[in-house]
Amino acid sequence: MKEEVEAVLAQIRPTLQADGGDVELVDVNEGVVRLKLKGACNGCPMATMTLRHGIERLLKERIPEVKEVIAV
């Protein structure tokens, strides 16, 4: 599943990078994806919305085994 998550993140990454941010996959374990938001995304007031309504939604749509996305 890790490779599938990386593939989805690769599609999302250009949008984040355009705003000065990025995302790094830390771990995938039993359907829980742990991500690190970097650059402008780290500490951004909209980071939680980006994570929940953007990244998590897309990951769950494309990879049904994903249960949750957590920022670390």
N, C-alpha and C. Protein backbone atom coordinates (compact mmCIF):
# COMPACT_ATOMS: atom_id res chain seq x y z
N MET A 1 0.83 -1.19 0.00
CA MET A 1 0.00 0.00 0.00
C MET A 1 0.87 1.26 0.00
N LYS A 2 2.07 1.16 0.51
CA LYS A 2 2.96 2.33 0.59
C LYS A 2 3.21 2.93 -0.80
N GLU A 3 3.41 2.07 -1.78
CA GLU A 3 3.66 2.54 -3.14
C GLU A 3 2.43 3.26 -3.70
N GLU A 4 1.25 2.75 -3.39
CA GLU A 4 0.01 3.38 -3.85
C GLU A 4 -0.15 4.77 -3.24
N VAL A 5 0.15 4.88 -1.94
CA VAL A 5 0.07 6.17 -1.25
C VAL A 5 1.06 7.15 -1.88
N GLU A 6 2.28 6.70 -2.13
CA GLU A 6 3.29 7.56 -2.75
C GLU A 6 2.82 8.05 -4.12
N ALA A 7 2.16 7.20 -4.88
CA ALA A 7 1.67 7.58 -6.21
C ALA A 7 0.61 8.68 -6.11
N VAL A 8 -0.29 8.57 -5.14
CA VAL A 8 -1.31 9.61 -4.96
C VAL A 8 -0.65 10.91 -4.48
N LEU A 9 0.29 10.80 -3.55
CA LEU A 9 0.99 11.99 -3.06
C LEU A 9 1.76 12.69 -4.19
N ALA A 10 2.29 11.92 -5.12
CA ALA A 10 3.02 12.50 -6.25
C ALA A 10 2.09 13.36 -7.10
N GLN A 11 0.80 13.01 -7.15
CA GLN A 11 -0.17 13.81 -7.90
C GLN A 11 -0.55 15.08 -7.15
N ILE A 12 -0.55 15.01 -5.83
CA ILE A 12 -0.93 16.15 -4.98
C ILE A 12 0.23 17.13 -4.80
N ARG A 13 1.43 16.59 -4.75
CA ARG A 13 2.63 17.36 -4.41
C ARG A 13 2.82 18.64 -5.23
N PRO A 14 2.62 18.66 -6.54
CA PRO A 14 2.83 19.90 -7.30
C PRO A 14 1.94 21.07 -6.82
N THR A 15 0.73 20.76 -6.40
CA THR A 15 -0.17 21.80 -5.89
C THR A 15 0.38 22.38 -4.59
N LEU A 16 0.85 21.51 -3.71
CA LEU A 16 1.42 21.98 -2.44
C LEU A 16 2.70 22.77 -2.68
N GLN A 17 3.53 22.29 -3.58
CA GLN A 17 4.79 22.96 -3.88
C GLN A 17 4.57 24.33 -4.52
N ALA A 18 3.50 24.49 -5.25
CA ALA A 18 3.20 25.78 -5.87
C ALA A 18 2.94 26.85 -4.81
N ASP A 19 2.51 26.43 -3.63
CA ASP A 19 2.28 27.36 -2.52
C ASP A 19 3.42 27.36 -1.52
N GLY A 20 4.53 26.74 -1.86
CA GLY A 20 5.71 26.74 -1.00
C GLY A 20 5.74 25.63 0.04
N GLY A 21 4.86 24.64 -0.10
CA GLY A 21 4.82 23.55 0.85
C GLY A 21 5.18 22.23 0.22
N ASP A 22 5.04 21.18 1.01
CA ASP A 22 5.29 19.82 0.51
C ASP A 22 4.75 18.84 1.54
N VAL A 23 4.74 17.57 1.18
CA VAL A 23 4.28 16.52 2.07
C VAL A 23 5.25 15.34 1.94
N GLU A 24 5.54 14.72 3.07
CA GLU A 24 6.44 13.58 3.09
C GLU A 24 5.73 12.41 3.75
N LEU A 25 5.79 11.24 3.12
CA LEU A 25 5.20 10.03 3.70
C LEU A 25 6.16 9.51 4.76
N VAL A 26 5.66 9.38 5.98
CA VAL A 26 6.47 8.88 7.09
C VAL A 26 6.26 7.37 7.25
N ASP A 27 4.99 6.94 7.23
CA ASP A 27 4.70 5.53 7.47
C ASP A 27 3.28 5.20 7.03
N VAL A 28 3.07 3.94 6.69
CA VAL A 28 1.74 3.39 6.45
C VAL A 28 1.67 2.11 7.25
N ASN A 29 0.67 2.01 8.16
CA ASN A 29 0.56 0.84 8.99
C ASN A 29 -0.91 0.57 9.29
N GLU A 30 -1.40 -0.59 8.85
CA GLU A 30 -2.77 -1.02 9.09
C GLU A 30 -3.81 0.02 8.68
N GLY A 31 -3.60 0.63 7.53
CA GLY A 31 -4.55 1.59 6.99
C GLY A 31 -4.39 3.01 7.51
N VAL A 32 -3.43 3.23 8.41
CA VAL A 32 -3.18 4.57 8.94
C VAL A 32 -1.95 5.14 8.24
N VAL A 33 -2.15 6.28 7.59
CA VAL A 33 -1.08 6.94 6.84
C VAL A 33 -0.56 8.10 7.68
N ARG A 34 0.75 8.12 7.93
CA ARG A 34 1.37 9.20 8.69
C ARG A 34 2.17 10.06 7.73
N LEU A 35 1.82 11.36 7.73
CA LEU A 35 2.46 12.30 6.83
C LEU A 35 3.10 13.44 7.61
N LYS A 36 4.13 14.01 7.01
CA LYS A 36 4.76 15.20 7.57
C LYS A 36 4.57 16.33 6.56
N LEU A 37 3.90 17.39 7.00
CA LEU A 37 3.74 18.57 6.15
C LEU A 37 4.99 19.42 6.29
N LYS A 38 5.51 19.89 5.17
CA LYS A 38 6.78 20.61 5.18
C LYS A 38 6.64 21.98 4.53
N GLY A 39 7.64 22.80 4.71
CA GLY A 39 7.67 24.12 4.09
C GLY A 39 6.54 24.99 4.60
N ALA A 40 5.89 25.70 3.70
CA ALA A 40 4.81 26.61 4.06
C ALA A 40 3.62 25.86 4.67
N CYS A 41 3.49 24.57 4.40
CA CYS A 41 2.38 23.79 4.96
C CYS A 41 2.55 23.53 6.46
N ASN A 42 3.79 23.49 6.90
CA ASN A 42 4.07 23.23 8.31
C ASN A 42 3.69 24.46 9.13
N GLY A 43 2.67 24.32 9.95
CA GLY A 43 2.24 25.42 10.79
C GLY A 43 1.23 26.35 10.13
N CYS A 44 0.86 26.08 8.91
CA CYS A 44 -0.13 26.91 8.21
C CYS A 44 -1.50 26.72 8.86
N PRO A 45 -2.25 27.80 9.05
CA PRO A 45 -3.59 27.67 9.65
C PRO A 45 -4.53 26.77 8.84
N MET A 46 -4.28 26.65 7.55
CA MET A 46 -5.13 25.82 6.70
C MET A 46 -4.61 24.38 6.56
N ALA A 47 -3.54 24.04 7.25
CA ALA A 47 -2.93 22.72 7.12
C ALA A 47 -3.89 21.60 7.47
N THR A 48 -4.70 21.77 8.51
CA THR A 48 -5.64 20.73 8.91
C THR A 48 -6.67 20.50 7.82
N MET A 49 -7.16 21.58 7.22
CA MET A 49 -8.13 21.43 6.12
C MET A 49 -7.48 20.76 4.92
N THR A 50 -6.26 21.15 4.61
CA THR A 50 -5.53 20.53 3.50
C THR A 50 -5.39 19.04 3.74
N LEU A 51 -5.04 18.68 4.97
CA LEU A 51 -4.83 17.28 5.31
C LEU A 51 -6.14 16.50 5.25
N ARG A 52 -7.18 16.98 5.88
CA ARG A 52 -8.45 16.24 5.99
C ARG A 52 -9.28 16.29 4.70
N HIS A 53 -9.49 17.49 4.18
CA HIS A 53 -10.41 17.64 3.05
C HIS A 53 -9.72 17.51 1.69
N GLY A 54 -8.43 17.49 1.70
CA GLY A 54 -7.69 17.33 0.45
C GLY A 54 -7.00 15.99 0.38
N ILE A 55 -5.92 15.87 1.13
CA ILE A 55 -5.07 14.67 1.06
C ILE A 55 -5.81 13.41 1.53
N GLU A 56 -6.42 13.46 2.71
CA GLU A 56 -7.09 12.27 3.23
C GLU A 56 -8.25 11.85 2.31
N ARG A 57 -9.03 12.80 1.85
CA ARG A 57 -10.16 12.48 0.97
C ARG A 57 -9.68 11.77 -0.29
N LEU A 58 -8.63 12.31 -0.93
CA LEU A 58 -8.12 11.68 -2.15
C LEU A 58 -7.55 10.29 -1.89
N LEU A 59 -6.80 10.16 -0.79
CA LEU A 59 -6.23 8.85 -0.48
C LEU A 59 -7.33 7.82 -0.25
N LYS A 60 -8.37 8.18 0.49
CA LYS A 60 -9.47 7.24 0.75
C LYS A 60 -10.25 6.90 -0.52
N GLU A 61 -10.42 7.88 -1.41
CA GLU A 61 -11.11 7.63 -2.68
C GLU A 61 -10.35 6.64 -3.54
N ARG A 62 -9.04 6.82 -3.60
CA ARG A 62 -8.22 6.02 -4.52
C ARG A 62 -7.68 4.73 -3.92
N ILE A 63 -7.59 4.71 -2.57
CA ILE A 63 -7.08 3.52 -1.89
C ILE A 63 -8.06 3.19 -0.75
N PRO A 64 -9.04 2.35 -1.00
CA PRO A 64 -10.07 2.06 0.00
C PRO A 64 -9.54 1.53 1.33
N GLU A 65 -8.35 0.96 1.34
CA GLU A 65 -7.77 0.40 2.57
C GLU A 65 -7.31 1.49 3.54
N VAL A 66 -7.18 2.73 3.06
CA VAL A 66 -6.76 3.84 3.94
C VAL A 66 -7.92 4.17 4.87
N LYS A 67 -7.63 4.12 6.18
CA LYS A 67 -8.65 4.39 7.21
C LYS A 67 -8.52 5.81 7.74
N GLU A 68 -7.28 6.28 7.87
CA GLU A 68 -7.04 7.56 8.51
C GLU A 68 -5.71 8.14 8.06
N VAL A 69 -5.63 9.47 8.05
CA VAL A 69 -4.37 10.17 7.73
C VAL A 69 -4.04 11.05 8.93
N ILE A 70 -2.81 10.92 9.42
CA ILE A 70 -2.37 11.66 10.60
C ILE A 70 -1.12 12.47 10.24
N ALA A 71 -1.10 13.73 10.68
CA ALA A 71 0.10 14.56 10.53
C ALA A 71 1.00 14.31 11.71
N VAL A 72 2.27 14.09 11.44
CA VAL A 72 3.26 13.89 12.52
C VAL A 72 4.33 14.95 12.47
